[in-house]
Amino acid sequence: MLFPVDPWIRGFGLAPAAPVRLLCFPHAGGTAGYYRPMAAALAPGVDILAVQYPGRQERFGERPVGSVGELADRVADAVRPLLHQPLSLFGHSMGAAVAYEVALRLQARGHRLRTFFASGQSTPSARRDRGVHALPDDRLAAELERLGATDPAILADPELLDVLLPAIRADYRAIETYRRSDEPVLDCPVVALTGTADPYVRVAEAAAWSRLTRHDFAFHELPGGHFFLDTERDRVCGILRGHLARSPTADRAGRR
């Protein structure tokens, strides 16, 4: 069961007393519920919250947002009540871009994150427009099937797919039109993860997150494609657990 923390944020209620809090950002077409298995695996030591983008599930009646910047503006406002304790951000695919923009907004307001995790995404200056958001519905559905980004049961149900495609298309528009000529540096440790067989993100592109931090950087290559989070969940959770345990030390060392 998901618990509303804010219209934009959901909790899983599995580790409310945990000393470590991690806010997760879904991929294009994803939902907050995607992170439930991770929340269960990391409890009770880590309390996972997840962003719920508009246009899906209980937010179905809301207008989907087709801009990474607008998504980040809204989430950055929503997380204010969470900043009374240390917070880390984890984003996968499109979620990594949104999380980075949220991190910049929080940093500009004087809030220091413990750790930023970028998963399955190249750095903000990379070109990433493959034209998926402009495909006809049938070709967009075929691309989702090829990528493994959507439940096959949804793809097999034309009526349900018609309902969900506007939000999915908006997500792809957001990430495919996102690009920064500048890449502001984060004032926290950065950890990048990538799948060695990811068809969209080259290993070197994922490793380039190293230039976006003033603090420690770690890079993890895992077997699998774009959704290595599913196939290598235990290893991913082990990586997160290890870095989150070290975050307080890294944070203290980096204070100016």
C-alpha atoms as a PDB file:
ATOM      1  CA  MET A   1       0.000   0.000   0.000  1.00  0.00           C
ATOM      2  CA  LEU A   2       1.218   3.502  -0.869  1.00  0.00           C
ATOM      3  CA  PHE A   3       0.790   6.286   1.658  1.00  0.00           C
ATOM      4  CA  PRO A   4       0.343   9.868   0.430  1.00  0.00           C
ATOM      5  CA  VAL A   5       2.976  12.143   1.933  1.00  0.00           C
ATOM      6  CA  ASP A   6       2.112  14.923  -0.504  1.00  0.00           C
ATOM      7  CA  PRO A   7       0.332  14.861  -3.888  1.00  0.00           C
ATOM      8  CA  TRP A   8       3.807  14.418  -5.377  1.00  0.00           C
ATOM      9  CA  ILE A   9       5.333  11.988  -2.902  1.00  0.00           C
ATOM     10  CA  ARG A  10       4.393   8.499  -1.704  1.00  0.00           C
ATOM     11  CA  GLY A  11       5.688   6.482   1.222  1.00  0.00           C
ATOM     12  CA  PHE A  12       5.656   2.723   1.749  1.00  0.00           C
ATOM     13  CA  GLY A  13       5.380   2.687   5.549  1.00  0.00           C
ATOM     14  CA  LEU A  14       8.080   0.014   5.864  1.00  0.00           C
ATOM     15  CA  ALA A  15      10.789   1.924   7.744  1.00  0.00           C
ATOM     16  CA  PRO A  16       9.356   5.122   9.253  1.00  0.00           C
ATOM     17  CA  ALA A  17      11.963   5.199  12.036  1.00  0.00           C
ATOM     18  CA  ALA A  18      14.968   4.626   9.764  1.00  0.00           C
ATOM     19  CA  PRO A  19      17.879   7.056  10.225  1.00  0.00           C
ATOM     20  CA  VAL A  20      18.369   7.271   6.441  1.00  0.00           C
ATOM     21  CA  ARG A  21      15.813   8.622   3.965  1.00  0.00           C
ATOM     22  CA  LEU A  22      15.995   8.111   0.196  1.00  0.00           C
ATOM     23  CA  LEU A  23      13.645   9.813  -2.276  1.00  0.00           C
ATOM     24  CA  CYS A  24      13.327   7.884  -5.558  1.00  0.00           C
ATOM     25  CA  PHE A  25      12.299   9.218  -8.981  1.00  0.00           C
ATOM     26  CA  PRO A  26      10.701   6.842 -11.532  1.00  0.00           C
ATOM     27  CA  HIS A  27      11.596   6.341 -15.179  1.00  0.00           C
ATOM     28  CA  ALA A  28       9.457   7.561 -18.091  1.00  0.00           C
ATOM     29  CA  GLY A  29       6.059   5.903 -17.778  1.00  0.00           C
ATOM     30  CA  GLY A  30       6.894   4.706 -14.267  1.00  0.00           C
ATOM     31  CA  THR A  31       5.053   5.140 -10.992  1.00  0.00           C
ATOM     32  CA  ALA A  32       6.010   5.502  -7.349  1.00  0.00           C
ATOM     33  CA  GLY A  33       5.010   1.872  -6.801  1.00  0.00           C
ATOM     34  CA  TYR A  34       7.915   0.736  -8.969  1.00  0.00           C
ATOM     35  CA  TYR A  35      10.158   1.240  -5.946  1.00  0.00           C
ATOM     36  CA  ARG A  36       8.201  -0.966  -3.544  1.00  0.00           C
ATOM     37  CA  PRO A  37      10.575  -3.978  -3.919  1.00  0.00           C
ATOM     38  CA  MET A  38      13.541  -1.717  -3.235  1.00  0.00           C
ATOM     39  CA  ALA A  39      11.789  -0.234  -0.202  1.00  0.00           C
ATOM     40  CA  ALA A  40      11.154  -3.719   1.181  1.00  0.00           C
ATOM     41  CA  ALA A  41      14.743  -4.823   0.554  1.00  0.00           C
ATOM     42  CA  LEU A  42      16.292  -1.792   2.262  1.00  0.00           C
ATOM     43  CA  ALA A  43      13.969  -1.692   5.286  1.00  0.00           C
ATOM     44  CA  PRO A  44      14.352  -1.200   8.195  1.00  0.00           C
ATOM     45  CA  GLY A  45      17.640   0.675   7.742  1.00  0.00           C
ATOM     46  CA  VAL A  46      16.472   2.980   4.937  1.00  0.00           C
ATOM     47  CA  ASP A  47      13.125   4.733   4.566  1.00  0.00           C
ATOM     48  CA  ILE A  48      12.277   4.989   0.873  1.00  0.00           C
ATOM     49  CA  LEU A  49       9.855   7.549  -0.492  1.00  0.00           C
ATOM     50  CA  ALA A  50       8.998   7.844  -4.177  1.00  0.00           C
ATOM     51  CA  VAL A  51       7.779  10.604  -6.471  1.00  0.00           C
ATOM     52  CA  GLN A  52       4.399  10.146  -8.137  1.00  0.00           C
ATOM     53  CA  TYR A  53       4.220  12.087 -11.397  1.00  0.00           C
ATOM     54  CA  PRO A  54       0.783  13.397 -12.486  1.00  0.00           C
ATOM     55  CA  GLY A  55      -1.298  11.616 -15.122  1.00  0.00           C
ATOM     56  CA  ARG A  56      -1.118   8.083 -13.692  1.00  0.00           C
ATOM     57  CA  GLN A  57      -2.719   5.902 -11.037  1.00  0.00           C
ATOM     58  CA  GLU A  58      -4.494   8.037  -8.429  1.00  0.00           C
ATOM     59  CA  ARG A  59      -3.255  11.181 -10.250  1.00  0.00           C
ATOM     60  CA  PHE A  60      -4.790  10.050 -13.534  1.00  0.00           C
ATOM     61  CA  GLY A  61      -7.119  13.045 -13.759  1.00  0.00           C
ATOM     62  CA  GLU A  62      -4.249  15.528 -13.636  1.00  0.00           C
ATOM     63  CA  ARG A  63      -2.454  16.962 -16.654  1.00  0.00           C
ATOM     64  CA  PRO A  64       0.767  15.085 -17.438  1.00  0.00           C
ATOM     65  CA  VAL A  65       3.857  17.277 -17.328  1.00  0.00           C
ATOM     66  CA  GLY A  66       6.094  17.200 -20.401  1.00  0.00           C
ATOM     67  CA  SER A  67       9.030  19.192 -19.015  1.00  0.00           C
ATOM     68  CA  VAL A  68      11.837  18.066 -16.713  1.00  0.00           C
ATOM     69  CA  GLY A  69      12.157  21.619 -15.419  1.00  0.00           C
ATOM     70  CA  GLU A  70       8.490  21.878 -14.457  1.00  0.00           C
ATOM     71  CA  LEU A  71       8.564  18.476 -12.776  1.00  0.00           C
ATOM     72  CA  ALA A  72      11.634  19.523 -10.800  1.00  0.00           C
ATOM     73  CA  ASP A  73      10.061  22.823  -9.755  1.00  0.00           C
ATOM     74  CA  ARG A  74       7.022  21.038  -8.354  1.00  0.00           C
ATOM     75  CA  VAL A  75       8.950  18.271  -6.594  1.00  0.00           C
ATOM     76  CA  ALA A  76      11.460  20.690  -5.068  1.00  0.00           C
ATOM     77  CA  ASP A  77       8.556  22.515  -3.432  1.00  0.00           C
ATOM     78  CA  ALA A  78       6.976  19.248  -2.284  1.00  0.00           C
ATOM     79  CA  VAL A  79      10.089  17.980  -0.487  1.00  0.00           C
ATOM     80  CA  ARG A  80      10.414  20.996   1.822  1.00  0.00           C
ATOM     81  CA  PRO A  81       8.712  19.215   4.754  1.00  0.00           C
ATOM     82  CA  LEU A  82      11.216  16.339   4.401  1.00  0.00           C
ATOM     83  CA  LEU A  83      14.321  18.447   4.830  1.00  0.00           C
ATOM     84  CA  HIS A  84      14.339  18.363   8.617  1.00  0.00           C
ATOM     85  CA  GLN A  85      16.443  15.197   8.336  1.00  0.00           C
ATOM     86  CA  PRO A  86      19.221  14.257   5.878  1.00  0.00           C
ATOM     87  CA  LEU A  87      17.900  13.331   2.432  1.00  0.00           C
ATOM     88  CA  SER A  88      19.415  11.450  -0.510  1.00  0.00           C
ATOM     89  CA  LEU A  89      17.993  11.307  -4.036  1.00  0.00           C
ATOM     90  CA  PHE A  90      17.916   8.335  -6.425  1.00  0.00           C
ATOM     91  CA  GLY A  91      16.675   8.629  -9.996  1.00  0.00           C
ATOM     92  CA  HIS A  92      16.517   6.048 -12.761  1.00  0.00           C
ATOM     93  CA  SER A  93      16.452   6.977 -16.462  1.00  0.00           C
ATOM     94  CA  MET A  94      14.237  10.081 -16.802  1.00  0.00           C
ATOM     95  CA  GLY A  95      14.077  10.098 -13.021  1.00  0.00           C
ATOM     96  CA  ALA A  96      17.810  10.790 -12.786  1.00  0.00           C
ATOM     97  CA  ALA A  97      17.408  13.984 -14.825  1.00  0.00           C
ATOM     98  CA  VAL A  98      14.472  15.141 -12.695  1.00  0.00           C
ATOM     99  CA  ALA A  99      16.348  14.265  -9.494  1.00  0.00           C
ATOM    100  CA  TYR A 100      19.417  16.225 -10.647  1.00  0.00           C
ATOM    101  CA  GLU A 101      17.301  19.301 -11.316  1.00  0.00           C
ATOM    102  CA  VAL A 102      15.625  18.932  -7.915  1.00  0.00           C
ATOM    103  CA  ALA A 103      19.070  18.634  -6.308  1.00  0.00           C
ATOM    104  CA  LEU A 104      20.135  21.902  -7.957  1.00  0.00           C
ATOM    105  CA  ARG A 105      17.014  23.679  -6.717  1.00  0.00           C
ATOM    106  CA  LEU A 106      17.489  22.426  -3.171  1.00  0.00           C
ATOM    107  CA  GLN A 107      21.170  23.348  -3.272  1.00  0.00           C
ATOM    108  CA  ALA A 108      20.309  26.887  -4.412  1.00  0.00           C
ATOM    109  CA  ARG A 109      18.037  27.179  -1.368  1.00  0.00           C
ATOM    110  CA  GLY A 110      20.835  26.170   0.968  1.00  0.00           C
ATOM    111  CA  HIS A 111      19.940  22.495   1.496  1.00  0.00           C
ATOM    112  CA  ARG A 112      22.754  19.929   1.323  1.00  0.00           C
ATOM    113  CA  LEU A 113      21.904  16.420   0.168  1.00  0.00           C
ATOM    114  CA  ARG A 114      23.656  13.410   1.651  1.00  0.00           C
ATOM    115  CA  THR A 115      24.112  11.549  -1.647  1.00  0.00           C
ATOM    116  CA  PHE A 116      22.851  11.806  -5.214  1.00  0.00           C
ATOM    117  CA  PHE A 117      22.381   8.583  -7.227  1.00  0.00           C
ATOM    118  CA  ALA A 118      22.096   8.717 -11.041  1.00  0.00           C
ATOM    119  CA  SER A 119      20.983   5.408 -12.537  1.00  0.00           C
ATOM    120  CA  GLY A 120      20.649   4.521 -16.207  1.00  0.00           C
ATOM    121  CA  GLN A 121      21.142   8.071 -17.485  1.00  0.00           C
ATOM    122  CA  SER A 122      23.789  10.154 -19.204  1.00  0.00           C
ATOM    123  CA  THR A 123      24.800  13.594 -17.961  1.00  0.00           C
ATOM    124  CA  PRO A 124      22.555  16.638 -18.586  1.00  0.00           C
ATOM    125  CA  SER A 125      24.570  17.943 -21.557  1.00  0.00           C
ATOM    126  CA  ALA A 126      24.077  14.757 -23.611  1.00  0.00           C
ATOM    127  CA  ARG A 127      21.765  14.611 -26.607  1.00  0.00           C
ATOM    128  CA  ARG A 128      18.934  12.185 -25.919  1.00  0.00           C
ATOM    129  CA  ASP A 129      16.142  12.964 -28.402  1.00  0.00           C
ATOM    130  CA  ARG A 130      15.408   9.749 -30.297  1.00  0.00           C
ATOM    131  CA  GLY A 131      11.978  10.972 -31.367  1.00  0.00           C
ATOM    132  CA  VAL A 132      10.111   8.388 -29.280  1.00  0.00           C
ATOM    133  CA  HIS A 133       7.674  10.970 -27.899  1.00  0.00           C
ATOM    134  CA  ALA A 134       6.557  11.851 -31.453  1.00  0.00           C
ATOM    135  CA  LEU A 135       5.894   8.264 -32.601  1.00  0.00           C
ATOM    136  CA  PRO A 136       2.364   7.116 -33.487  1.00  0.00           C
ATOM    137  CA  ASP A 137       0.672   5.166 -30.714  1.00  0.00           C
ATOM    138  CA  ASP A 138       1.384   1.740 -32.207  1.00  0.00           C
ATOM    139  CA  ARG A 139       5.089   2.447 -32.677  1.00  0.00           C
ATOM    140  CA  LEU A 140       5.352   4.010 -29.236  1.00  0.00           C
ATOM    141  CA  ALA A 141       3.830   0.853 -27.742  1.00  0.00           C
ATOM    142  CA  ALA A 142       6.299  -1.269 -29.719  1.00  0.00           C
ATOM    143  CA  GLU A 143       9.190   0.793 -28.345  1.00  0.00           C
ATOM    144  CA  LEU A 144       7.927   0.317 -24.790  1.00  0.00           C
ATOM    145  CA  GLU A 145       7.756  -3.431 -25.361  1.00  0.00           C
ATOM    146  CA  ARG A 146      11.288  -3.520 -26.798  1.00  0.00           C
ATOM    147  CA  LEU A 147      12.683  -1.557 -23.881  1.00  0.00           C
ATOM    148  CA  GLY A 148      10.861  -3.602 -21.249  1.00  0.00           C
ATOM    149  CA  ALA A 149       9.628  -0.396 -19.623  1.00  0.00           C
ATOM    150  CA  THR A 150       5.964  -1.349 -19.306  1.00  0.00           C
ATOM    151  CA  ASP A 151       4.034  -4.281 -17.871  1.00  0.00           C
ATOM    152  CA  PRO A 152       3.263  -6.669 -20.787  1.00  0.00           C
ATOM    153  CA  ALA A 153      -0.318  -6.959 -19.498  1.00  0.00           C
ATOM    154  CA  ILE A 154      -0.794  -3.243 -20.121  1.00  0.00           C
ATOM    155  CA  LEU A 155       0.657  -3.472 -23.619  1.00  0.00           C
ATOM    156  CA  ALA A 156      -1.708  -6.340 -24.388  1.00  0.00           C
ATOM    157  CA  ASP A 157      -4.796  -4.345 -23.326  1.00  0.00           C
ATOM    158  CA  PRO A 158      -5.564  -1.720 -26.018  1.00  0.00           C
ATOM    159  CA  GLU A 159      -8.099   0.151 -23.890  1.00  0.00           C
ATOM    160  CA  LEU A 160      -5.786   0.409 -20.895  1.00  0.00           C
ATOM    161  CA  LEU A 161      -2.874   1.365 -23.109  1.00  0.00           C
ATOM    162  CA  ASP A 162      -4.911   4.184 -24.667  1.00  0.00           C
ATOM    163  CA  VAL A 163      -5.559   5.530 -21.183  1.00  0.00           C
ATOM    164  CA  LEU A 164      -1.892   5.456 -20.171  1.00  0.00           C
ATOM    165  CA  LEU A 165      -0.194   6.613 -23.374  1.00  0.00           C
ATOM    166  CA  PRO A 166      -0.724  10.368 -22.819  1.00  0.00           C
ATOM    167  CA  ALA A 167       1.273  10.263 -19.563  1.00  0.00           C
ATOM    168  CA  ILE A 168       3.931   8.004 -21.097  1.00  0.00           C
ATOM    169  CA  ARG A 169       4.255  10.279 -24.116  1.00  0.00           C
ATOM    170  CA  ALA A 170       4.565  13.344 -21.860  1.00  0.00           C
ATOM    171  CA  ASP A 171       7.368  11.640 -19.933  1.00  0.00           C
ATOM    172  CA  TYR A 172       9.262  10.847 -23.116  1.00  0.00           C
ATOM    173  CA  ARG A 173       8.765  14.412 -24.320  1.00  0.00           C
ATOM    174  CA  ALA A 174      10.188  15.657 -21.023  1.00  0.00           C
ATOM    175  CA  ILE A 175      13.359  13.584 -21.147  1.00  0.00           C
ATOM    176  CA  GLU A 176      13.938  13.762 -24.901  1.00  0.00           C
ATOM    177  CA  THR A 177      13.735  17.555 -24.919  1.00  0.00           C
ATOM    178  CA  TYR A 178      15.897  17.915 -21.802  1.00  0.00           C
ATOM    179  CA  ARG A 179      19.431  19.161 -22.292  1.00  0.00           C
ATOM    180  CA  ARG A 180      21.638  21.617 -20.432  1.00  0.00           C
ATOM    181  CA  SER A 181      24.528  23.491 -22.021  1.00  0.00           C
ATOM    182  CA  ASP A 182      25.842  24.044 -18.513  1.00  0.00           C
ATOM    183  CA  GLU A 183      26.216  21.330 -15.882  1.00  0.00           C
ATOM    184  CA  PRO A 184      26.217  22.854 -12.382  1.00  0.00           C
ATOM    185  CA  VAL A 185      28.221  20.827  -9.882  1.00  0.00           C
ATOM    186  CA  LEU A 186      26.518  19.212  -6.889  1.00  0.00           C
ATOM    187  CA  ASP A 187      27.786  19.822  -3.380  1.00  0.00           C
ATOM    188  CA  CYS A 188      27.358  16.202  -2.281  1.00  0.00           C
ATOM    189  CA  PRO A 189      28.772  12.767  -3.166  1.00  0.00           C
ATOM    190  CA  VAL A 190      27.523  11.389  -6.494  1.00  0.00           C
ATOM    191  CA  VAL A 191      27.074   7.709  -7.370  1.00  0.00           C
ATOM    192  CA  ALA A 192      26.342   6.591 -10.943  1.00  0.00           C
ATOM    193  CA  LEU A 193      25.021   3.170 -11.946  1.00  0.00           C
ATOM    194  CA  THR A 194      24.591   1.740 -15.430  1.00  0.00           C
ATOM    195  CA  GLY A 195      23.826  -1.500 -17.231  1.00  0.00           C
ATOM    196  CA  THR A 196      26.649  -2.760 -19.417  1.00  0.00           C
ATOM    197  CA  ALA A 197      24.192  -3.669 -22.186  1.00  0.00           C
ATOM    198  CA  ASP A 198      22.054  -0.508 -21.970  1.00  0.00           C
ATOM    199  CA  PRO A 199      21.143   0.404 -25.578  1.00  0.00           C
ATOM    200  CA  TYR A 200      20.576   4.060 -24.687  1.00  0.00           C
ATOM    201  CA  VAL A 201      23.376   4.989 -22.268  1.00  0.00           C
ATOM    202  CA  ARG A 202      26.993   4.223 -23.067  1.00  0.00           C
ATOM    203  CA  VAL A 203      29.246   3.340 -20.164  1.00  0.00           C
ATOM    204  CA  ALA A 204      31.403   6.426 -20.740  1.00  0.00           C
ATOM    205  CA  GLU A 205      28.311   8.646 -20.701  1.00  0.00           C
ATOM    206  CA  ALA A 206      27.232   7.265 -17.335  1.00  0.00           C
ATOM    207  CA  ALA A 207      30.753   7.577 -15.931  1.00  0.00           C
ATOM    208  CA  ALA A 208      30.798  11.264 -16.920  1.00  0.00           C
ATOM    209  CA  TRP A 209      28.705  12.076 -13.839  1.00  0.00           C
ATOM    210  CA  SER A 210      32.105  12.192 -12.112  1.00  0.00           C
ATOM    211  CA  ARG A 211      32.544  15.817 -13.209  1.00  0.00           C
ATOM    212  CA  LEU A 212      29.309  16.911 -11.526  1.00  0.00           C
ATOM    213  CA  THR A 213      30.401  16.713  -7.895  1.00  0.00           C
ATOM    214  CA  ARG A 214      32.771  18.532  -5.550  1.00  0.00           C
ATOM    215  CA  HIS A 215      32.873  15.426  -3.370  1.00  0.00           C
ATOM    216  CA  ASP A 216      33.456  11.698  -3.754  1.00  0.00           C
ATOM    217  CA  PHE A 217      32.308   9.897  -6.894  1.00  0.00           C
ATOM    218  CA  ALA A 218      31.601   6.194  -7.336  1.00  0.00           C
ATOM    219  CA  PHE A 219      30.688   4.319 -10.509  1.00  0.00           C
ATOM    220  CA  HIS A 220      29.048   0.908 -10.743  1.00  0.00           C
ATOM    221  CA  GLU A 221      28.591  -1.153 -13.908  1.00  0.00           C
ATOM    222  CA  LEU A 222      26.073  -3.980 -13.592  1.00  0.00           C
ATOM    223  CA  PRO A 223      25.047  -6.714 -16.025  1.00  0.00           C
ATOM    224  CA  GLY A 224      21.883  -6.002 -17.951  1.00  0.00           C
ATOM    225  CA  GLY A 225      20.143  -3.510 -20.151  1.00  0.00           C
ATOM    226  CA  HIS A 226      18.336  -0.299 -19.370  1.00  0.00           C
ATOM    227  CA  PHE A 227      16.285  -1.920 -16.608  1.00  0.00           C
ATOM    228  CA  PHE A 228      19.122  -3.604 -14.756  1.00  0.00           C
ATOM    229  CA  LEU A 229      17.316  -2.410 -11.600  1.00  0.00           C
ATOM    230  CA  ASP A 230      14.910  -5.308 -12.107  1.00  0.00           C
ATOM    231  CA  THR A 231      17.403  -8.022 -12.997  1.00  0.00           C
ATOM    232  CA  GLU A 232      20.114  -6.956 -10.519  1.00  0.00           C
ATOM    233  CA  ARG A 233      17.952  -5.647  -7.689  1.00  0.00           C
ATOM    234  CA  ASP A 234      19.887  -7.369  -4.900  1.00  0.00           C
ATOM    235  CA  ARG A 235      23.191  -5.929  -6.123  1.00  0.00           C
ATOM    236  CA  VAL A 236      21.697  -2.478  -6.586  1.00  0.00           C
ATOM    237  CA  CYS A 237      20.279  -2.540  -3.069  1.00  0.00           C
ATOM    238  CA  GLY A 238      23.651  -3.620  -1.718  1.00  0.00           C
ATOM    239  CA  ILE A 239      25.301  -0.683  -3.487  1.00  0.00           C
ATOM    240  CA  LEU A 240      22.751   1.757  -2.116  1.00  0.00           C
ATOM    241  CA  ARG A 241      23.028   0.354   1.389  1.00  0.00           C
ATOM    242  CA  GLY A 242      26.803   0.700   1.354  1.00  0.00           C
ATOM    243  CA  HIS A 243      26.886   4.259   0.071  1.00  0.00           C
ATOM    244  CA  LEU A 244      24.094   5.456   2.332  1.00  0.00           C
ATOM    245  CA  ALA A 245      25.923   4.047   5.336  1.00  0.00           C
ATOM    246  CA  ARG A 246      29.011   6.060   4.353  1.00  0.00           C
ATOM    247  CA  SER A 247      27.146   9.256   3.564  1.00  0.00           C
ATOM    248  CA  PRO A 248      27.470  10.971   6.968  1.00  0.00           C
ATOM    249  CA  THR A 249      31.274  10.680   6.843  1.00  0.00           C
ATOM    250  CA  ALA A 250      31.425  11.988   3.290  1.00  0.00           C
ATOM    251  CA  ASP A 251      29.069  14.803   4.204  1.00  0.00           C
ATOM    252  CA  ARG A 252      31.154  15.955   7.165  1.00  0.00           C
ATOM    253  CA  ALA A 253      34.373  15.768   5.147  1.00  0.00           C
ATOM    254  CA  GLY A 254      32.920  17.977   2.436  1.00  0.00           C
ATOM    255  CA  ARG A 255      31.613  20.799   4.628  1.00  0.00           C
ATOM    256  CA  ARG A 256      33.256  24.167   4.020  1.00  0.00           C
END
